[in-house]
N, C-alpha and C. Protein backbone atom coordinates (compact mmCIF):
# COMPACT_ATOMS: atom_id res chain seq x y z
N MET A 1 83.91 85.24 34.91
CA MET A 1 82.42 85.28 34.70
C MET A 1 82.35 83.94 34.44
N SER A 2 81.33 82.99 35.60
CA SER A 2 81.35 82.06 35.28
C SER A 2 79.87 81.23 34.19
N THR A 3 79.79 80.48 33.87
CA THR A 3 78.81 80.22 32.92
C THR A 3 77.65 79.46 33.67
N HIS A 4 76.41 80.17 34.19
CA HIS A 4 75.56 79.55 34.75
C HIS A 4 75.11 78.42 33.89
N PRO A 5 74.51 77.54 35.02
CA PRO A 5 73.95 75.99 34.91
C PRO A 5 73.05 76.11 33.56
N LEU A 6 72.18 77.34 33.78
CA LEU A 6 70.91 77.23 33.00
C LEU A 6 71.12 77.55 31.48
N LYS A 7 72.45 78.29 31.03
CA LYS A 7 72.61 78.50 29.62
C LYS A 7 73.47 76.76 28.86
N THR A 8 73.98 75.81 29.75
CA THR A 8 74.46 74.80 29.77
C THR A 8 73.06 73.81 29.54
N TYR A 9 72.00 74.15 29.89
CA TYR A 9 70.58 73.08 29.99
C TYR A 9 70.44 73.98 28.54
N VAL A 10 70.26 75.00 28.49
CA VAL A 10 69.22 75.53 27.11
C VAL A 10 69.95 75.24 25.56
N GLN A 11 71.54 75.39 26.15
CA GLN A 11 72.03 74.59 25.05
C GLN A 11 71.77 73.59 24.77
N GLU A 12 72.00 72.71 25.64
CA GLU A 12 71.56 70.84 25.38
C GLU A 12 70.22 70.97 25.03
N ALA A 13 69.51 71.34 25.29
CA ALA A 13 67.63 71.69 25.04
C ALA A 13 67.87 72.03 23.15
N ILE A 14 68.58 73.21 23.02
CA ILE A 14 68.33 73.29 21.49
C ILE A 14 68.81 72.79 20.83
N ALA A 15 70.12 71.68 21.15
CA ALA A 15 70.55 70.58 20.62
C ALA A 15 69.71 69.61 20.28
N LEU A 16 69.05 68.75 21.60
CA LEU A 16 68.35 68.34 21.40
C LEU A 16 66.98 68.19 20.73
N CYS A 17 66.46 69.64 20.72
CA CYS A 17 65.12 69.99 19.48
C CYS A 17 65.58 70.16 17.99
N HIS A 18 66.98 70.09 18.02
CA HIS A 18 67.29 69.88 16.25
C HIS A 18 67.47 68.40 16.18
N GLU A 19 67.87 67.76 17.02
CA GLU A 19 68.34 66.71 16.93
C GLU A 19 66.90 65.43 16.74
N LEU A 20 66.02 65.83 17.84
CA LEU A 20 64.13 65.69 17.74
C LEU A 20 63.62 65.82 16.07
N LEU A 21 63.75 67.17 16.01
CA LEU A 21 63.02 67.62 14.69
C LEU A 21 64.21 66.98 13.44
N THR A 22 65.33 66.49 13.80
CA THR A 22 65.53 65.51 12.08
C THR A 22 64.89 64.35 12.28
N THR A 23 64.66 63.50 13.18
CA THR A 23 64.43 62.57 13.45
C THR A 23 62.73 62.59 13.38
N ILE A 24 62.20 63.56 13.65
CA ILE A 24 60.66 63.32 13.53
C ILE A 24 60.42 63.13 12.19
N ASN A 25 61.35 64.84 11.17
CA ASN A 25 60.73 64.42 9.91
C ASN A 25 61.00 63.45 9.35
N ALA A 26 62.53 62.85 9.72
CA ALA A 26 63.11 61.20 8.83
C ALA A 26 61.37 60.34 8.85
N GLU A 27 60.90 60.16 10.15
CA GLU A 27 60.07 59.56 10.32
C GLU A 27 58.41 59.41 9.40
N THR A 28 58.26 60.63 9.63
CA THR A 28 57.15 61.74 9.37
C THR A 28 57.57 61.52 7.43
N ASP A 29 58.88 61.42 6.84
CA ASP A 29 59.01 61.15 5.47
C ASP A 29 58.91 59.68 4.92
N ALA A 30 58.87 58.81 5.91
CA ALA A 30 59.69 57.48 5.99
C ALA A 30 57.93 56.77 5.88
N VAL A 31 56.75 57.07 6.64
CA VAL A 31 55.54 56.59 6.73
C VAL A 31 55.04 57.14 5.44
N ARG A 32 55.51 58.66 4.96
CA ARG A 32 54.73 59.23 3.62
C ARG A 32 55.39 58.23 2.41
N SER A 33 56.48 57.68 2.30
CA SER A 33 57.42 56.92 1.27
C SER A 33 56.76 55.63 1.47
N LYS A 34 56.40 55.08 2.33
CA LYS A 34 56.01 53.87 2.75
C LYS A 34 57.41 52.88 2.71
N LYS A 35 58.18 53.52 3.30
CA LYS A 35 59.60 52.71 3.74
C LYS A 35 59.79 52.56 5.27
N MET A 36 58.38 51.51 5.90
CA MET A 36 58.09 51.20 7.34
C MET A 36 59.47 50.33 8.12
N ASP A 37 60.14 49.92 7.05
CA ASP A 37 61.70 49.40 7.93
C ASP A 37 62.17 50.25 8.45
N SER A 38 62.15 51.48 8.64
CA SER A 38 62.75 52.27 9.25
C SER A 38 62.72 53.00 10.16
N VAL A 39 60.49 53.00 10.28
CA VAL A 39 59.96 53.34 11.18
C VAL A 39 60.04 53.21 12.73
N PRO A 40 60.56 51.76 13.06
CA PRO A 40 60.70 51.12 14.34
C PRO A 40 61.56 51.96 15.14
N ASP A 41 62.46 52.08 14.39
CA ASP A 41 63.75 52.25 14.85
C ASP A 41 64.01 54.15 15.04
N LEU A 42 63.50 54.66 14.00
CA LEU A 42 63.19 56.10 13.97
C LEU A 42 62.36 56.27 16.00
N ALA A 43 61.03 55.33 15.92
CA ALA A 43 60.12 55.57 16.86
C ALA A 43 60.63 55.65 18.44
N LYS A 44 61.85 54.73 18.13
CA LYS A 44 62.48 54.34 19.21
C LYS A 44 63.39 55.59 20.10
N ARG A 45 64.16 56.48 18.60
CA ARG A 45 64.79 57.08 18.92
C ARG A 45 64.25 58.20 19.22
N LYS A 46 62.91 58.69 19.03
CA LYS A 46 61.86 59.58 18.86
C LYS A 46 61.71 59.76 20.58
N ASP A 47 61.31 58.34 21.02
CA ASP A 47 61.14 58.46 22.60
C ASP A 47 61.88 58.87 23.37
N ARG A 48 63.27 58.37 22.94
CA ARG A 48 64.35 58.23 24.09
C ARG A 48 64.83 60.25 24.12
N LEU A 49 64.45 60.18 23.00
CA LEU A 49 64.78 62.08 22.75
C LEU A 49 64.22 63.10 23.65
N THR A 50 62.62 62.67 23.57
CA THR A 50 61.44 63.51 23.96
C THR A 50 61.50 63.29 25.54
N THR A 51 62.27 61.79 25.84
CA THR A 51 62.21 61.88 27.54
C THR A 51 63.28 62.56 27.79
N GLN A 52 64.46 62.70 27.32
CA GLN A 52 65.52 63.57 27.53
C GLN A 52 65.28 65.08 27.22
N LEU A 53 64.52 65.40 26.12
CA LEU A 53 64.19 66.82 26.11
C LEU A 53 63.36 67.33 27.52
N GLN A 54 62.40 66.36 27.56
CA GLN A 54 61.38 66.98 28.79
C GLN A 54 62.40 66.80 30.37
N ASN A 55 63.35 65.75 30.62
CA ASN A 55 63.92 65.94 31.64
C ASN A 55 65.10 67.42 31.51
N LEU A 56 65.40 67.77 30.51
CA LEU A 56 66.50 69.34 30.41
C LEU A 56 65.30 70.66 30.59
N LEU A 57 64.33 70.36 30.21
CA LEU A 57 62.92 71.23 29.42
C LEU A 57 62.73 71.64 31.72
N LEU A 58 62.88 70.88 32.27
CA LEU A 58 62.62 70.62 33.87
C LEU A 58 63.47 71.17 34.09
N GLN A 59 64.79 70.34 34.05
CA GLN A 59 66.16 71.87 35.06
C GLN A 59 66.26 73.20 34.18
N VAL A 60 65.72 73.46 33.02
CA VAL A 60 65.59 75.00 32.50
C VAL A 60 64.97 75.46 33.39
N LYS A 61 63.61 75.01 33.42
CA LYS A 61 62.60 75.91 33.93
C LYS A 61 62.99 75.98 35.84
N GLU A 62 63.42 75.10 36.13
CA GLU A 62 63.90 75.19 37.48
C GLU A 62 65.38 76.33 37.96
N TYR A 63 66.14 76.55 37.29
CA TYR A 63 67.02 77.72 37.15
C TYR A 63 66.53 79.26 36.23
N ALA A 64 65.34 78.73 35.56
CA ALA A 64 65.23 80.18 34.89
C ALA A 64 64.24 80.79 36.50
N ALA A 65 63.79 80.15 37.14
CA ALA A 65 63.16 81.23 37.89
C ALA A 65 64.11 81.95 39.01
N HIS A 66 65.58 81.95 38.70
CA HIS A 66 66.05 82.68 38.82
C HIS A 66 66.27 84.23 38.23
N PRO A 67 66.14 85.35 38.18
CA PRO A 67 66.48 86.46 37.49
C PRO A 67 67.38 86.42 37.00
N GLU A 68 68.47 86.82 37.72
CA GLU A 68 69.77 87.02 37.37
C GLU A 68 69.92 85.83 35.59
N ALA A 69 69.67 84.85 36.24
CA ALA A 69 70.21 83.47 35.06
C ALA A 69 69.11 83.71 33.88
N LYS A 70 68.52 83.84 34.59
CA LYS A 70 66.89 84.24 33.03
C LYS A 70 67.26 85.62 32.00
N ALA A 71 68.33 86.81 32.85
CA ALA A 71 68.88 87.60 32.11
C ALA A 71 69.88 87.16 31.18
N GLU A 72 70.43 86.75 31.75
CA GLU A 72 71.93 86.19 31.37
C GLU A 72 71.58 85.25 29.93
N ALA A 73 70.82 84.46 30.03
CA ALA A 73 70.41 83.36 29.15
C ALA A 73 69.13 83.74 28.20
N ALA A 74 68.75 84.78 28.53
CA ALA A 74 67.87 85.29 27.46
C ALA A 74 67.77 85.19 26.20
N PRO A 75 69.19 85.56 25.44
CA PRO A 75 68.74 85.34 23.94
C PRO A 75 69.30 83.68 23.63
N LEU A 76 69.30 82.66 24.15
CA LEU A 76 69.65 81.46 24.18
C LEU A 76 68.00 80.92 24.51
N LEU A 77 67.72 81.51 25.71
CA LEU A 77 65.75 81.27 25.83
C LEU A 77 65.25 81.14 24.40
N HIS A 78 65.44 82.45 23.75
CA HIS A 78 64.68 82.63 23.11
C HIS A 78 65.00 81.83 21.62
N GLU A 79 66.06 81.16 21.53
CA GLU A 79 66.48 80.46 20.44
C GLU A 79 65.62 79.18 20.80
N LEU A 80 65.64 78.71 22.14
CA LEU A 80 65.11 77.38 22.51
C LEU A 80 63.68 77.79 22.18
N SER A 81 63.02 78.65 22.47
CA SER A 81 61.62 79.36 22.21
C SER A 81 61.26 78.95 20.62
N THR A 82 62.20 79.35 19.67
CA THR A 82 62.33 79.12 18.63
C THR A 82 62.16 77.91 18.02
N ALA A 83 63.00 76.68 18.81
CA ALA A 83 63.07 75.81 18.46
C ALA A 83 62.22 74.64 18.73
N MET A 84 61.66 75.05 19.94
CA MET A 84 60.37 74.32 20.25
C MET A 84 58.88 74.39 19.92
N SER A 85 58.81 75.51 18.60
CA SER A 85 58.20 75.86 18.17
C SER A 85 58.28 75.25 16.81
N SER A 86 58.56 74.97 16.52
CA SER A 86 59.52 73.99 14.86
C SER A 86 59.45 72.51 15.48
N TYR A 87 59.72 72.39 16.40
CA TYR A 87 59.41 71.01 17.11
C TYR A 87 58.05 70.76 17.26
N ASP A 88 57.12 71.42 17.56
CA ASP A 88 56.00 71.16 17.92
C ASP A 88 54.97 71.02 16.66
N SER A 89 55.38 72.30 15.68
CA SER A 89 54.59 72.24 14.23
C SER A 89 55.21 70.90 13.75
N ALA A 90 56.02 70.30 13.43
CA ALA A 90 57.04 69.26 13.28
C ALA A 90 56.02 67.92 13.59
N ALA A 91 56.13 68.01 14.66
CA ALA A 91 55.32 66.63 16.05
C ALA A 91 53.74 66.78 15.20
N ARG A 92 53.00 68.09 15.39
CA ARG A 92 51.52 67.86 14.67
C ARG A 92 51.38 67.32 13.35
N GLN A 93 52.48 67.28 12.42
CA GLN A 93 52.14 67.03 10.84
C GLN A 93 52.65 65.66 11.16
N ASN A 94 53.77 64.98 12.23
CA ASN A 94 53.95 63.74 12.25
C ASN A 94 52.80 62.87 13.06
N LEU A 95 52.29 63.42 13.95
CA LEU A 95 50.96 62.52 14.26
C LEU A 95 49.45 62.75 13.31
N LEU A 96 49.41 63.62 12.54
CA LEU A 96 48.70 63.60 11.37
C LEU A 96 48.87 62.37 10.36
N VAL A 97 49.94 62.37 9.65
CA VAL A 97 50.84 61.46 8.96
C VAL A 97 50.76 60.07 9.88
N LEU A 98 51.16 59.94 11.09
CA LEU A 98 50.51 58.66 11.44
C LEU A 98 49.73 58.09 11.85
N GLN A 99 48.88 59.13 12.65
CA GLN A 99 47.18 58.54 12.29
C GLN A 99 46.48 58.14 11.08
N ALA A 100 46.79 58.96 9.65
CA ALA A 100 46.52 58.60 8.99
C ALA A 100 46.56 57.10 8.47
N ALA A 101 48.12 57.02 8.35
CA ALA A 101 48.51 55.64 8.23
C ALA A 101 47.87 54.67 8.92
N HIS A 102 47.50 55.05 10.40
CA HIS A 102 46.83 53.41 11.23
C HIS A 102 45.59 53.32 10.73
N GLN A 103 44.83 54.90 10.55
CA GLN A 103 43.49 54.82 10.43
C GLN A 103 43.47 53.84 8.57
N ALA A 104 43.83 53.95 7.74
CA ALA A 104 44.48 53.25 6.59
C ALA A 104 44.28 51.65 6.72
N THR A 105 45.53 51.52 7.70
CA THR A 105 45.65 50.10 7.57
C THR A 105 44.43 49.38 8.06
N SER A 106 43.79 50.10 9.70
CA SER A 106 42.57 49.23 10.03
C SER A 106 41.87 49.26 9.48
N ILE A 107 41.28 50.16 8.16
CA ILE A 107 40.32 49.88 7.13
C ILE A 107 40.85 49.24 6.41
N PHE A 108 41.77 48.48 5.75
CA PHE A 108 41.95 47.62 4.94
C PHE A 108 41.57 46.15 6.08
N LEU A 109 42.39 46.49 7.24
CA LEU A 109 42.30 45.04 8.16
C LEU A 109 40.80 44.89 8.25
N ASP A 110 39.80 45.94 8.20
CA ASP A 110 38.87 45.96 8.89
C ASP A 110 38.13 44.87 7.51
N SER A 111 37.96 45.77 6.26
CA SER A 111 37.70 45.01 5.04
C SER A 111 38.16 43.58 4.58
N VAL A 112 38.97 43.43 4.87
CA VAL A 112 39.68 41.67 5.31
C VAL A 112 39.09 41.01 6.02
N ARG A 113 39.02 41.61 7.13
CA ARG A 113 38.46 40.50 8.37
C ARG A 113 36.61 40.48 7.64
N GLN A 114 35.74 41.01 6.99
CA GLN A 114 34.40 41.32 6.79
C GLN A 114 34.29 40.02 5.93
N VAL A 115 35.13 40.37 4.80
CA VAL A 115 35.17 39.25 3.62
C VAL A 115 35.69 37.72 4.00
N VAL A 116 36.58 37.68 5.05
CA VAL A 116 36.89 36.25 5.56
C VAL A 116 35.68 35.58 6.39
N ALA A 117 34.71 36.78 7.14
CA ALA A 117 34.03 36.32 7.89
C ALA A 117 32.60 36.06 7.00
N LYS A 118 32.54 36.30 6.11
CA LYS A 118 30.84 36.15 5.29
C LYS A 118 30.80 34.95 4.85
N PRO A 119 29.70 34.22 5.21
CA PRO A 119 29.53 32.65 4.65
C PRO A 119 29.23 32.70 3.51
N LYS A 120 29.90 31.18 3.15
CA LYS A 120 30.41 30.99 1.78
C LYS A 120 28.49 30.81 1.44
N PRO A 121 28.31 31.23 -0.10
CA PRO A 121 27.29 31.35 -0.98
C PRO A 121 27.06 29.80 -1.11
N ASN A 122 25.76 29.45 -1.31
CA ASN A 122 25.22 28.02 -1.61
C ASN A 122 25.46 27.78 -2.58
N THR A 123 25.71 26.73 -3.23
CA THR A 123 26.99 26.29 -4.55
C THR A 123 26.41 25.41 -5.44
N TYR A 124 26.34 25.08 -6.41
CA TYR A 124 25.16 24.15 -7.01
C TYR A 124 26.30 23.43 -8.04
N GLY A 125 26.08 21.92 -7.90
CA GLY A 125 26.85 20.78 -8.42
C GLY A 125 26.39 20.70 -9.82
N LYS A 126 26.80 19.78 -10.22
CA LYS A 126 26.85 19.68 -11.61
C LYS A 126 25.57 19.30 -12.13
N GLU A 127 24.83 18.29 -11.54
CA GLU A 127 23.20 18.04 -11.12
C GLU A 127 22.40 19.13 -10.44
N GLY A 128 23.02 19.72 -10.37
CA GLY A 128 21.86 20.90 -10.20
C GLY A 128 21.03 21.03 -8.14
N ALA A 129 22.22 19.87 -8.05
CA ALA A 129 22.12 20.25 -6.17
C ALA A 129 22.58 20.69 -5.89
N ILE A 130 22.49 20.96 -3.92
CA ILE A 130 22.91 22.02 -3.61
C ILE A 130 24.01 20.65 -2.53
N LYS A 131 25.66 21.52 -2.82
CA LYS A 131 26.36 20.82 -2.28
C LYS A 131 27.13 21.40 -1.12
N GLU A 132 27.43 20.53 -0.24
CA GLU A 132 27.95 20.85 1.34
C GLU A 132 29.41 21.31 0.33
N LYS A 133 30.29 20.32 0.05
CA LYS A 133 31.65 20.68 -0.18
C LYS A 133 31.88 21.37 -1.48
N ALA A 134 32.85 22.17 -1.88
CA ALA A 134 33.44 23.49 -2.62
C ALA A 134 33.92 22.65 -4.42
N GLU A 135 34.28 21.41 -4.00
CA GLU A 135 34.55 20.92 -5.08
C GLU A 135 33.87 20.53 -6.53
N ASN A 136 34.44 20.91 -7.56
CA ASN A 136 33.91 20.87 -8.50
C ASN A 136 32.78 21.28 -8.27
N THR A 137 32.55 22.96 -7.99
CA THR A 137 31.21 23.80 -7.95
C THR A 137 31.39 24.72 -8.34
N SER A 138 30.28 25.63 -9.09
CA SER A 138 30.22 27.06 -9.17
C SER A 138 29.35 27.64 -9.16
N LEU A 139 29.01 28.76 -9.23
CA LEU A 139 28.06 29.95 -8.82
C LEU A 139 27.16 29.71 -10.16
N ILE A 140 25.76 30.11 -10.23
CA ILE A 140 24.73 30.00 -11.07
C ILE A 140 24.46 31.09 -11.06
N ASN A 141 24.17 32.29 -12.52
CA ASN A 141 23.62 33.23 -11.70
C ASN A 141 23.32 33.45 -13.34
N LYS A 142 21.79 33.00 -13.48
CA LYS A 142 21.31 32.90 -14.78
C LYS A 142 19.73 33.89 -14.72
N SER A 143 19.84 34.61 -15.00
CA SER A 143 18.07 35.33 -14.98
C SER A 143 17.56 34.88 -16.57
N PHE A 144 16.11 34.73 -16.49
CA PHE A 144 15.48 34.02 -17.32
C PHE A 144 14.14 35.14 -17.93
């Protein structure tokens, strides 16, 4: 009895799911711990693995249309379903962490832009006249 290609594709998909899960968890942990130097490599790896998994899942779907192949690979298909569920959960968590990091960075950069873009206040020199240049000037805030 020969092994149907569906079993091979499902086994490869399960292995890719586990590798992808490890990569996503590593990226999530890196962002949470602010170890950003590893994030670009992890993101590239995640992209590559996701593409490979999508291609394999297309093959699985194609071969799963055959009832005899589907029956033969039923236990593996259940295992793949479980692996995909774990992947889905980790991917959602990863997305939330990446969105939070992006939003925090955007808020910080917007704050910096606002401070830099504010016009400089008028300042007074030693004689009390408004100076154009900021040399030897200070803000005076006295209430009488």
